[in-house]
């Protein structure tokens, strides 16, 4: 059972060592109400499998989609989700919070 951020990072390392293409998303900033704290991780492979959590709901779907792009082009991205964005209700941050998530490829 994966129960800690350390376990999620270890899984990212294991996936990478087994030949899977991997990206890792990390919550780097939060404001107001946010489902997951700074330092939370989501690891994603090239097939769209993922482990961990950076927010929940549709935010994670958006992060997984961006991670696929990061894996494809190798360029890290800083994503921001919040109620000020016109997509806030669509991605599930209607609680008034904002989060920044950094997504990078694991080499």
Protein backbone atom coordinates (compact mmCIF):
# COMPACT_ATOMS: atom_id res chain seq x y z
CA UNK A 1 0.00 0.00 0.00
CA UNK A 2 1.30 3.45 -0.93
CA UNK A 3 0.88 5.64 2.11
CA UNK A 4 3.47 8.42 2.11
CA UNK A 5 5.06 10.93 -0.22
CA UNK A 6 8.30 8.93 0.13
CA UNK A 7 6.51 5.83 -1.20
CA UNK A 8 5.24 7.82 -4.19
CA UNK A 9 8.73 9.10 -4.98
CA UNK A 10 10.12 5.59 -4.62
CA UNK A 11 7.49 4.35 -7.08
CA UNK A 12 8.55 7.06 -9.56
CA UNK A 13 12.13 5.87 -9.27
CA UNK A 14 11.12 2.22 -9.66
CA UNK A 15 8.95 2.99 -12.69
CA UNK A 16 11.77 4.92 -14.32
CA UNK A 17 14.35 2.20 -13.63
CA UNK A 18 12.00 -0.38 -15.17
CA UNK A 19 11.99 1.54 -18.46
CA UNK A 20 8.76 3.48 -18.13
CA UNK A 21 8.73 7.14 -19.14
CA UNK A 22 7.76 9.09 -16.03
CA UNK A 23 6.79 12.59 -14.97
CA UNK A 24 6.28 13.84 -11.45
CA UNK A 25 3.93 16.62 -10.39
CA UNK A 26 4.52 18.48 -7.14
CA UNK A 27 2.33 21.00 -5.33
CA UNK A 28 4.67 23.99 -4.89
CA UNK A 29 2.27 26.68 -3.62
CA UNK A 30 -1.23 26.89 -2.18
CA UNK A 31 -3.50 29.79 -1.25
CA UNK A 32 -6.69 29.57 0.74
CA UNK A 33 -8.49 26.26 0.78
CA UNK A 34 -6.49 23.57 -1.03
CA UNK A 35 -7.15 19.81 -0.97
CA UNK A 36 -3.45 18.80 -0.69
CA UNK A 37 -0.53 20.54 1.02
CA UNK A 38 2.68 21.86 -0.52
CA UNK A 39 5.01 18.93 -1.23
CA UNK A 40 2.27 16.54 -2.32
CA UNK A 41 3.20 14.42 -5.36
CA UNK A 42 1.55 12.70 -8.29
CA UNK A 43 3.67 10.39 -10.43
CA UNK A 44 2.50 9.68 -13.99
CA UNK A 45 3.86 7.28 -16.61
CA UNK A 46 3.73 7.46 -20.39
CA UNK A 47 0.68 5.22 -20.50
CA UNK A 48 -1.35 7.55 -18.26
CA UNK A 49 -1.06 5.43 -15.11
CA UNK A 50 -0.66 7.54 -11.98
CA UNK A 51 -0.08 7.27 -8.25
CA UNK A 52 -0.44 9.84 -5.49
CA UNK A 53 -2.44 13.06 -5.43
CA UNK A 54 -1.95 16.78 -5.97
CA UNK A 55 -5.57 17.85 -5.59
CA UNK A 56 -8.25 15.38 -6.53
CA UNK A 57 -11.07 15.46 -9.01
CA UNK A 58 -10.67 17.09 -12.38
CA UNK A 59 -7.46 18.92 -11.40
CA UNK A 60 -5.67 15.60 -11.39
CA UNK A 61 -7.05 14.78 -14.83
CA UNK A 62 -5.68 18.09 -16.13
CA UNK A 63 -2.30 17.42 -14.47
CA UNK A 64 -2.12 13.92 -15.98
CA UNK A 65 -2.86 15.37 -19.43
CA UNK A 66 -0.12 17.99 -19.01
CA UNK A 67 2.28 15.31 -17.74
CA UNK A 68 1.80 13.44 -21.03
CA UNK A 69 3.02 16.57 -22.83
CA UNK A 70 5.96 16.90 -20.44
CA UNK A 71 6.94 13.29 -21.11
CA UNK A 72 6.64 13.87 -24.87
CA UNK A 73 8.64 17.09 -25.14
CA UNK A 74 10.76 17.01 -21.98
CA UNK A 75 9.82 20.58 -21.04
CA UNK A 76 8.76 21.16 -17.44
CA UNK A 77 5.62 23.19 -16.79
CA UNK A 78 4.21 25.25 -13.93
CA UNK A 79 0.44 24.86 -13.75
CA UNK A 80 -1.91 27.03 -11.74
CA UNK A 81 -5.49 26.23 -10.83
CA UNK A 82 -7.85 28.49 -8.91
CA UNK A 83 -11.23 30.17 -8.73
CA UNK A 84 -9.95 33.22 -10.60
CA UNK A 85 -9.46 31.04 -13.66
CA UNK A 86 -12.45 30.65 -15.95
CA UNK A 87 -11.92 26.88 -15.79
CA UNK A 88 -11.99 26.72 -11.96
CA UNK A 89 -15.42 25.15 -11.78
CA UNK A 90 -14.51 22.67 -14.50
CA UNK A 91 -11.38 21.44 -12.71
CA UNK A 92 -12.93 21.33 -9.25
CA UNK A 93 -11.43 24.25 -7.31
CA UNK A 94 -14.69 26.00 -6.56
CA UNK A 95 -13.70 25.96 -2.85
CA UNK A 96 -11.92 29.32 -3.14
CA UNK A 97 -8.36 28.01 -3.14
CA UNK A 98 -5.55 28.14 -5.65
CA UNK A 99 -2.67 25.77 -6.22
CA UNK A 100 0.51 25.76 -8.29
CA UNK A 101 1.80 22.42 -9.52
CA UNK A 102 5.24 21.90 -11.07
CA UNK A 103 5.40 19.01 -13.56
CA UNK A 104 8.77 17.63 -14.70
CA UNK A 105 10.06 14.58 -16.52
CA UNK A 106 12.06 12.05 -14.52
CA UNK A 107 15.32 11.16 -16.26
